[in-house]
Amino acid sequence: MDDSFDEECDYLFKAVLIGDSAVGKSNLLSRFAKDEFYLDSKPTIGVEFAYRSVKVGDKLIKAQIWDTAGQERFRAITSSYYRGALGAILVYDITRKTTFENLKKWLRELREFAASDIVIVLVGNKSDLNQSRQVEVEDGQSFAQLEGLSFLETSAKEKLNVEEAFLEMINKIYNVMSLKTLEAKSNELSMPSILQGKKEIIKINDDQVYETKQTGSVCCSY
């Protein structure tokens, strides 16, 4: 990614992709981050991540998306990566009902290790394989409504709703962080500032999000 994105970004958000193996998490990420799709995509080993910067209003958001392995033997490794995540995309395969039935297990684990206000978007992937569908759209909608999640069906192969799913998560994270930043600034007004005349960095949530105010150049890091 261009270094200028690092210098100009206003926020850095960490998010995770979770769900059973072979539901298409890696292809969703590669489609969103690089607009690429791999038909013979291999299983993720442990954890991988990618970046993409997007504009939300007048702010540049750098999203750091972690792709977690869905295999059971890697669960102990990946659980620690939930900590500090501000958003999650929970993925199932519409052609494999077991991946839908396992959502409760993934959601329980996510809520155990992640922050209580984490933004979660439920994604039913592989909508291009409608002829092999085992999970109806209404089933996904009902589960999302019951658990308080956003919901979309996607096709990483056909580039359908992938952008929308990630942007839904990023926009909601931004809204949550904006409220927290406003509250922090409101609290600052009631106490003496020890940073007057200096560059100010407002750090939120375990080094995963930064808002910067400056007169010169700023590097957004993690």
C-alpha atoms as a PDB file:
ATOM      1  CA  MET A   1       0.000   0.000   0.000  1.00  0.00           C
ATOM      2  CA  ASP A   2       1.132   3.541  -0.738  1.00  0.00           C
ATOM      3  CA  ASP A   3       3.029   5.120   2.177  1.00  0.00           C
ATOM      4  CA  SER A   4       0.890   8.226   1.810  1.00  0.00           C
ATOM      5  CA  PHE A   5      -2.013   6.266   3.265  1.00  0.00           C
ATOM      6  CA  ASP A   6       0.043   5.713   6.410  1.00  0.00           C
ATOM      7  CA  GLU A   7       0.826   9.415   6.677  1.00  0.00           C
ATOM      8  CA  GLU A   8      -2.698  10.628   6.087  1.00  0.00           C
ATOM      9  CA  CYS A   9      -4.926   8.109   7.882  1.00  0.00           C
ATOM     10  CA  ASP A  10      -7.145   9.403  10.678  1.00  0.00           C
ATOM     11  CA  TYR A  11      -8.084   6.046  12.193  1.00  0.00           C
ATOM     12  CA  LEU A  12      -6.733   2.506  12.205  1.00  0.00           C
ATOM     13  CA  PHE A  13      -9.369  -0.174  12.807  1.00  0.00           C
ATOM     14  CA  LYS A  14      -8.685  -3.820  13.538  1.00  0.00           C
ATOM     15  CA  ALA A  15     -11.330  -6.342  12.486  1.00  0.00           C
ATOM     16  CA  VAL A  16     -11.497 -10.120  12.120  1.00  0.00           C
ATOM     17  CA  LEU A  17     -13.084 -12.587   9.716  1.00  0.00           C
ATOM     18  CA  ILE A  18     -14.422 -15.689  11.462  1.00  0.00           C
ATOM     19  CA  GLY A  19     -16.394 -18.785  10.546  1.00  0.00           C
ATOM     20  CA  ASP A  20     -15.879 -22.419   9.588  1.00  0.00           C
ATOM     21  CA  SER A  21     -13.147 -23.533   7.213  1.00  0.00           C
ATOM     22  CA  ALA A  22     -13.860 -23.192   3.469  1.00  0.00           C
ATOM     23  CA  VAL A  23     -16.747 -20.724   3.809  1.00  0.00           C
ATOM     24  CA  GLY A  24     -14.769 -18.228   1.722  1.00  0.00           C
ATOM     25  CA  LYS A  25     -13.235 -15.901   4.315  1.00  0.00           C
ATOM     26  CA  SER A  26      -9.903 -15.549   2.499  1.00  0.00           C
ATOM     27  CA  ASN A  27     -11.571 -14.819  -0.825  1.00  0.00           C
ATOM     28  CA  LEU A  28     -13.850 -12.238   0.762  1.00  0.00           C
ATOM     29  CA  LEU A  29     -10.764 -10.503   2.142  1.00  0.00           C
ATOM     30  CA  SER A  30      -8.760 -10.727  -1.092  1.00  0.00           C
ATOM     31  CA  ARG A  31     -11.766  -9.408  -3.032  1.00  0.00           C
ATOM     32  CA  PHE A  32     -12.159  -6.460  -0.658  1.00  0.00           C
ATOM     33  CA  ALA A  33      -8.458  -5.648  -0.202  1.00  0.00           C
ATOM     34  CA  LYS A  34      -7.087  -6.386  -3.692  1.00  0.00           C
ATOM     35  CA  ASP A  35     -10.157  -7.110  -5.858  1.00  0.00           C
ATOM     36  CA  GLU A  36      -8.874 -10.638  -6.456  1.00  0.00           C
ATOM     37  CA  PHE A  37     -10.521 -14.061  -6.309  1.00  0.00           C
ATOM     38  CA  TYR A  38      -8.808 -17.475  -6.231  1.00  0.00           C
ATOM     39  CA  LEU A  39     -10.893 -20.492  -7.189  1.00  0.00           C
ATOM     40  CA  ASP A  40      -8.272 -22.861  -5.735  1.00  0.00           C
ATOM     41  CA  SER A  41      -7.725 -20.888  -2.523  1.00  0.00           C
ATOM     42  CA  LYS A  42      -5.879 -22.944   0.102  1.00  0.00           C
ATOM     43  CA  PRO A  43      -6.929 -23.106   3.785  1.00  0.00           C
ATOM     44  CA  THR A  44      -5.544 -20.348   5.972  1.00  0.00           C
ATOM     45  CA  ILE A  45      -2.883 -21.524   8.422  1.00  0.00           C
ATOM     46  CA  GLY A  46      -3.115 -19.628  11.703  1.00  0.00           C
ATOM     47  CA  VAL A  47      -3.803 -15.959  10.940  1.00  0.00           C
ATOM     48  CA  GLU A  48      -3.158 -13.648   7.998  1.00  0.00           C
ATOM     49  CA  PHE A  49      -4.158 -10.034   7.506  1.00  0.00           C
ATOM     50  CA  ALA A  50      -4.541  -7.343   4.859  1.00  0.00           C
ATOM     51  CA  TYR A  51      -5.084  -3.599   4.799  1.00  0.00           C
ATOM     52  CA  ARG A  52      -7.369  -1.299   2.894  1.00  0.00           C
ATOM     53  CA  SER A  53      -8.018   2.415   3.354  1.00  0.00           C
ATOM     54  CA  VAL A  54     -11.485   3.881   2.773  1.00  0.00           C
ATOM     55  CA  LYS A  55     -13.047   7.301   3.219  1.00  0.00           C
ATOM     56  CA  VAL A  56     -15.840   7.763   5.740  1.00  0.00           C
ATOM     57  CA  GLY A  57     -17.085  11.320   5.504  1.00  0.00           C
ATOM     58  CA  ASP A  58     -13.956  13.484   5.628  1.00  0.00           C
ATOM     59  CA  LYS A  59     -11.917  10.843   7.481  1.00  0.00           C
ATOM     60  CA  LEU A  60      -9.506   8.303   6.009  1.00  0.00           C
ATOM     61  CA  ILE A  61      -9.941   4.933   7.708  1.00  0.00           C
ATOM     62  CA  LYS A  62      -7.261   2.275   7.440  1.00  0.00           C
ATOM     63  CA  ALA A  63      -8.865  -1.110   8.032  1.00  0.00           C
ATOM     64  CA  GLN A  64      -6.608  -3.927   9.233  1.00  0.00           C
ATOM     65  CA  ILE A  65      -8.574  -7.120   8.534  1.00  0.00           C
ATOM     66  CA  TRP A  66      -7.391 -10.378  10.107  1.00  0.00           C
ATOM     67  CA  ASP A  67      -8.313 -13.629   8.379  1.00  0.00           C
ATOM     68  CA  THR A  68      -8.524 -16.396  10.973  1.00  0.00           C
ATOM     69  CA  ALA A  69      -8.241 -20.105  10.265  1.00  0.00           C
ATOM     70  CA  GLY A  70     -11.541 -21.943  10.566  1.00  0.00           C
ATOM     71  CA  GLN A  71     -10.031 -25.332  11.390  1.00  0.00           C
ATOM     72  CA  GLU A  72     -10.636 -26.506  14.919  1.00  0.00           C
ATOM     73  CA  ARG A  73      -6.954 -27.228  15.571  1.00  0.00           C
ATOM     74  CA  PHE A  74      -6.076 -23.551  15.136  1.00  0.00           C
ATOM     75  CA  ARG A  75      -8.774 -22.182  17.440  1.00  0.00           C
ATOM     76  CA  ALA A  76      -6.446 -21.848  20.449  1.00  0.00           C
ATOM     77  CA  ILE A  77      -4.032 -19.793  18.342  1.00  0.00           C
ATOM     78  CA  THR A  78      -6.599 -17.470  16.836  1.00  0.00           C
ATOM     79  CA  SER A  79      -8.658 -16.725  19.952  1.00  0.00           C
ATOM     80  CA  SER A  80      -6.092 -14.190  21.181  1.00  0.00           C
ATOM     81  CA  TYR A  81      -6.512 -12.206  17.963  1.00  0.00           C
ATOM     82  CA  TYR A  82     -10.065 -11.294  18.913  1.00  0.00           C
ATOM     83  CA  ARG A  83      -8.713  -9.007  21.617  1.00  0.00           C
ATOM     84  CA  GLY A  84      -8.633  -5.416  20.428  1.00  0.00           C
ATOM     85  CA  ALA A  85     -10.846  -6.116  17.410  1.00  0.00           C
ATOM     86  CA  LEU A  86     -13.448  -3.414  16.857  1.00  0.00           C
ATOM     87  CA  GLY A  87     -15.363  -5.321  14.200  1.00  0.00           C
ATOM     88  CA  ALA A  88     -15.991  -8.843  12.952  1.00  0.00           C
ATOM     89  CA  ILE A  89     -17.467 -10.406   9.849  1.00  0.00           C
ATOM     90  CA  LEU A  90     -19.032 -13.747  10.746  1.00  0.00           C
ATOM     91  CA  VAL A  91     -19.204 -15.935   7.628  1.00  0.00           C
ATOM     92  CA  TYR A  92     -21.139 -19.067   6.692  1.00  0.00           C
ATOM     93  CA  ASP A  93     -21.574 -20.926   3.396  1.00  0.00           C
ATOM     94  CA  ILE A  94     -25.165 -20.912   2.105  1.00  0.00           C
ATOM     95  CA  THR A  95     -24.540 -24.328   0.483  1.00  0.00           C
ATOM     96  CA  ARG A  96     -23.437 -26.029   3.739  1.00  0.00           C
ATOM     97  CA  LYS A  97     -25.983 -25.976   6.541  1.00  0.00           C
ATOM     98  CA  THR A  98     -23.469 -27.116   9.152  1.00  0.00           C
ATOM     99  CA  THR A  99     -21.535 -23.852   8.699  1.00  0.00           C
ATOM    100  CA  PHE A 100     -24.752 -21.991   9.563  1.00  0.00           C
ATOM    101  CA  GLU A 101     -25.462 -24.219  12.545  1.00  0.00           C
ATOM    102  CA  ASN A 102     -21.960 -23.488  13.902  1.00  0.00           C
ATOM    103  CA  LEU A 103     -22.569 -19.725  13.966  1.00  0.00           C
ATOM    104  CA  LYS A 104     -23.687 -19.797  17.603  1.00  0.00           C
ATOM    105  CA  LYS A 105     -20.386 -21.393  18.601  1.00  0.00           C
ATOM    106  CA  TRP A 106     -18.389 -18.752  16.728  1.00  0.00           C
ATOM    107  CA  LEU A 107     -20.523 -15.953  18.124  1.00  0.00           C
ATOM    108  CA  ARG A 108     -20.127 -17.238  21.669  1.00  0.00           C
ATOM    109  CA  GLU A 109     -16.339 -17.366  21.274  1.00  0.00           C
ATOM    110  CA  LEU A 110     -16.235 -13.913  19.706  1.00  0.00           C
ATOM    111  CA  ARG A 111     -18.245 -12.360  22.509  1.00  0.00           C
ATOM    112  CA  GLU A 112     -16.078 -14.066  25.101  1.00  0.00           C
ATOM    113  CA  PHE A 113     -12.781 -12.669  23.807  1.00  0.00           C
ATOM    114  CA  ALA A 114     -13.763  -9.422  22.063  1.00  0.00           C
ATOM    115  CA  ALA A 115     -15.023  -6.107  23.438  1.00  0.00           C
ATOM    116  CA  SER A 116     -18.701  -5.943  24.372  1.00  0.00           C
ATOM    117  CA  ASP A 117     -19.390  -3.210  21.806  1.00  0.00           C
ATOM    118  CA  ILE A 118     -17.725  -4.976  18.870  1.00  0.00           C
ATOM    119  CA  VAL A 119     -19.544  -4.447  15.552  1.00  0.00           C
ATOM    120  CA  ILE A 120     -20.590  -7.753  13.960  1.00  0.00           C
ATOM    121  CA  VAL A 121     -21.802  -8.282  10.390  1.00  0.00           C
ATOM    122  CA  LEU A 122     -23.238 -11.689   9.449  1.00  0.00           C
ATOM    123  CA  VAL A 123     -22.408 -12.802   5.900  1.00  0.00           C
ATOM    124  CA  GLY A 124     -23.914 -15.709   3.974  1.00  0.00           C
ATOM    125  CA  ASN A 125     -21.275 -16.309   1.298  1.00  0.00           C
ATOM    126  CA  LYS A 126     -21.379 -18.121  -2.093  1.00  0.00           C
ATOM    127  CA  SER A 127     -24.744 -16.704  -3.157  1.00  0.00           C
ATOM    128  CA  ASP A 128     -23.698 -17.462  -6.754  1.00  0.00           C
ATOM    129  CA  LEU A 129     -24.341 -21.158  -5.927  1.00  0.00           C
ATOM    130  CA  ASN A 130     -28.043 -20.624  -5.346  1.00  0.00           C
ATOM    131  CA  GLN A 131     -28.925 -23.943  -6.986  1.00  0.00           C
ATOM    132  CA  SER A 132     -27.031 -25.719  -4.175  1.00  0.00           C
ATOM    133  CA  ARG A 133     -28.476 -23.582  -1.381  1.00  0.00           C
ATOM    134  CA  GLN A 134     -29.076 -25.274   1.994  1.00  0.00           C
ATOM    135  CA  VAL A 135     -29.645 -22.102   4.036  1.00  0.00           C
ATOM    136  CA  GLU A 136     -32.455 -19.752   3.044  1.00  0.00           C
ATOM    137  CA  VAL A 137     -32.071 -15.980   3.071  1.00  0.00           C
ATOM    138  CA  GLU A 138     -34.816 -15.802   5.691  1.00  0.00           C
ATOM    139  CA  ASP A 139     -32.808 -18.079   8.009  1.00  0.00           C
ATOM    140  CA  GLY A 140     -29.856 -15.698   7.892  1.00  0.00           C
ATOM    141  CA  GLN A 141     -32.102 -12.688   8.421  1.00  0.00           C
ATOM    142  CA  SER A 142     -33.812 -14.311  11.412  1.00  0.00           C
ATOM    143  CA  PHE A 143     -30.521 -15.267  13.066  1.00  0.00           C
ATOM    144  CA  ALA A 144     -29.111 -11.777  12.536  1.00  0.00           C
ATOM    145  CA  GLN A 145     -32.220 -10.143  13.963  1.00  0.00           C
ATOM    146  CA  LEU A 146     -32.195 -12.447  16.986  1.00  0.00           C
ATOM    147  CA  GLU A 147     -28.520 -11.691  17.733  1.00  0.00           C
ATOM    148  CA  GLY A 148     -28.578  -7.988  16.818  1.00  0.00           C
ATOM    149  CA  LEU A 149     -26.289  -8.299  13.781  1.00  0.00           C
ATOM    150  CA  SER A 150     -26.232  -6.695  10.354  1.00  0.00           C
ATOM    151  CA  PHE A 151     -26.771  -9.226   7.562  1.00  0.00           C
ATOM    152  CA  LEU A 152     -25.896  -9.590   3.868  1.00  0.00           C
ATOM    153  CA  GLU A 153     -25.497 -12.448   1.419  1.00  0.00           C
ATOM    154  CA  THR A 154     -22.351 -12.192  -0.679  1.00  0.00           C
ATOM    155  CA  SER A 155     -20.486 -13.787  -3.544  1.00  0.00           C
ATOM    156  CA  ALA A 156     -16.734 -13.281  -3.454  1.00  0.00           C
ATOM    157  CA  LYS A 157     -16.559 -14.953  -6.865  1.00  0.00           C
ATOM    158  CA  GLU A 158     -19.030 -12.578  -8.515  1.00  0.00           C
ATOM    159  CA  LYS A 159     -18.044  -9.556  -6.379  1.00  0.00           C
ATOM    160  CA  LEU A 160     -21.585  -9.271  -5.019  1.00  0.00           C
ATOM    161  CA  ASN A 161     -22.137  -7.327  -1.767  1.00  0.00           C
ATOM    162  CA  VAL A 162     -18.522  -7.850  -0.648  1.00  0.00           C
ATOM    163  CA  GLU A 163     -17.750  -4.136  -0.621  1.00  0.00           C
ATOM    164  CA  GLU A 164     -21.068  -3.443   1.072  1.00  0.00           C
ATOM    165  CA  ALA A 165     -20.419  -5.954   3.879  1.00  0.00           C
ATOM    166  CA  PHE A 166     -17.017  -4.522   4.792  1.00  0.00           C
ATOM    167  CA  LEU A 167     -18.167  -0.915   4.489  1.00  0.00           C
ATOM    168  CA  GLU A 168     -21.187  -1.665   6.665  1.00  0.00           C
ATOM    169  CA  MET A 169     -18.802  -2.860   9.375  1.00  0.00           C
ATOM    170  CA  ILE A 170     -16.323   0.007   8.952  1.00  0.00           C
ATOM    171  CA  ASN A 171     -19.035   2.679   9.025  1.00  0.00           C
ATOM    172  CA  LYS A 172     -20.562   1.216  12.179  1.00  0.00           C
ATOM    173  CA  ILE A 173     -17.149   1.030  13.868  1.00  0.00           C
ATOM    174  CA  TYR A 174     -16.564   4.667  12.937  1.00  0.00           C
ATOM    175  CA  ASN A 175     -19.881   5.654  14.500  1.00  0.00           C
ATOM    176  CA  VAL A 176     -19.013   3.822  17.733  1.00  0.00           C
ATOM    177  CA  MET A 177     -15.518   5.338  17.871  1.00  0.00           C
ATOM    178  CA  SER A 178     -16.816   8.835  17.086  1.00  0.00           C
ATOM    179  CA  LEU A 179     -19.117   8.660  20.106  1.00  0.00           C
ATOM    180  CA  LYS A 180     -16.240   7.477  22.305  1.00  0.00           C
ATOM    181  CA  THR A 181     -13.985  10.257  21.019  1.00  0.00           C
ATOM    182  CA  LEU A 182     -16.654  12.881  21.701  1.00  0.00           C
ATOM    183  CA  GLU A 183     -17.065  11.546  25.238  1.00  0.00           C
ATOM    184  CA  ALA A 184     -13.285  11.611  25.776  1.00  0.00           C
ATOM    185  CA  LYS A 185     -13.026  15.180  24.511  1.00  0.00           C
ATOM    186  CA  SER A 186     -15.958  16.217  26.683  1.00  0.00           C
ATOM    187  CA  ASN A 187     -14.166  14.801  29.723  1.00  0.00           C
ATOM    188  CA  GLU A 188     -10.972  16.637  28.774  1.00  0.00           C
ATOM    189  CA  LEU A 189     -12.778  19.978  28.888  1.00  0.00           C
ATOM    190  CA  SER A 190     -13.368  19.489  32.596  1.00  0.00           C
ATOM    191  CA  MET A 191      -9.663  19.042  33.456  1.00  0.00           C
ATOM    192  CA  PRO A 192      -6.419  20.971  32.761  1.00  0.00           C
ATOM    193  CA  SER A 193      -4.684  20.003  29.533  1.00  0.00           C
ATOM    194  CA  ILE A 194      -1.084  18.888  29.867  1.00  0.00           C
ATOM    195  CA  LEU A 195      -0.723  18.592  26.108  1.00  0.00           C
ATOM    196  CA  GLN A 196      -1.316  22.219  25.184  1.00  0.00           C
ATOM    197  CA  GLY A 197       0.943  23.243  22.323  1.00  0.00           C
ATOM    198  CA  LYS A 198       1.962  19.649  21.579  1.00  0.00           C
ATOM    199  CA  LYS A 199       0.823  17.090  19.067  1.00  0.00           C
ATOM    200  CA  GLU A 200      -2.098  15.186  20.555  1.00  0.00           C
ATOM    201  CA  ILE A 201      -2.793  11.523  19.956  1.00  0.00           C
ATOM    202  CA  ILE A 202      -6.051  10.148  21.287  1.00  0.00           C
ATOM    203  CA  LYS A 203      -5.602   6.415  21.804  1.00  0.00           C
ATOM    204  CA  ILE A 204      -8.630   4.192  22.031  1.00  0.00           C
ATOM    205  CA  ASN A 205      -9.025   0.483  22.679  1.00  0.00           C
ATOM    206  CA  ASP A 206      -5.721  -1.333  23.020  1.00  0.00           C
ATOM    207  CA  ASP A 207      -3.711   0.469  20.356  1.00  0.00           C
ATOM    208  CA  GLN A 208      -6.115  -0.488  17.593  1.00  0.00           C
ATOM    209  CA  VAL A 209      -7.565   2.963  16.835  1.00  0.00           C
ATOM    210  CA  TYR A 210      -5.931   6.337  16.660  1.00  0.00           C
ATOM    211  CA  GLU A 211      -7.272   9.811  15.980  1.00  0.00           C
ATOM    212  CA  THR A 212      -4.557  12.383  15.333  1.00  0.00           C
ATOM    213  CA  LYS A 213      -4.548  16.166  15.357  1.00  0.00           C
ATOM    214  CA  GLN A 214      -1.443  17.856  14.041  1.00  0.00           C
ATOM    215  CA  THR A 215       0.203  20.814  12.354  1.00  0.00           C
ATOM    216  CA  GLY A 216       2.728  18.719  10.444  1.00  0.00           C
ATOM    217  CA  SER A 217       2.765  15.203   9.001  1.00  0.00           C
ATOM    218  CA  VAL A 218       1.480  12.248  10.992  1.00  0.00           C
ATOM    219  CA  CYS A 219       2.231   8.560  10.732  1.00  0.00           C
ATOM    220  CA  CYS A 220      -0.592   6.235  11.593  1.00  0.00           C
ATOM    221  CA  SER A 221       0.867   3.072  13.088  1.00  0.00           C
ATOM    222  CA  TYR A 222      -0.141   0.083  15.132  1.00  0.00           C
END
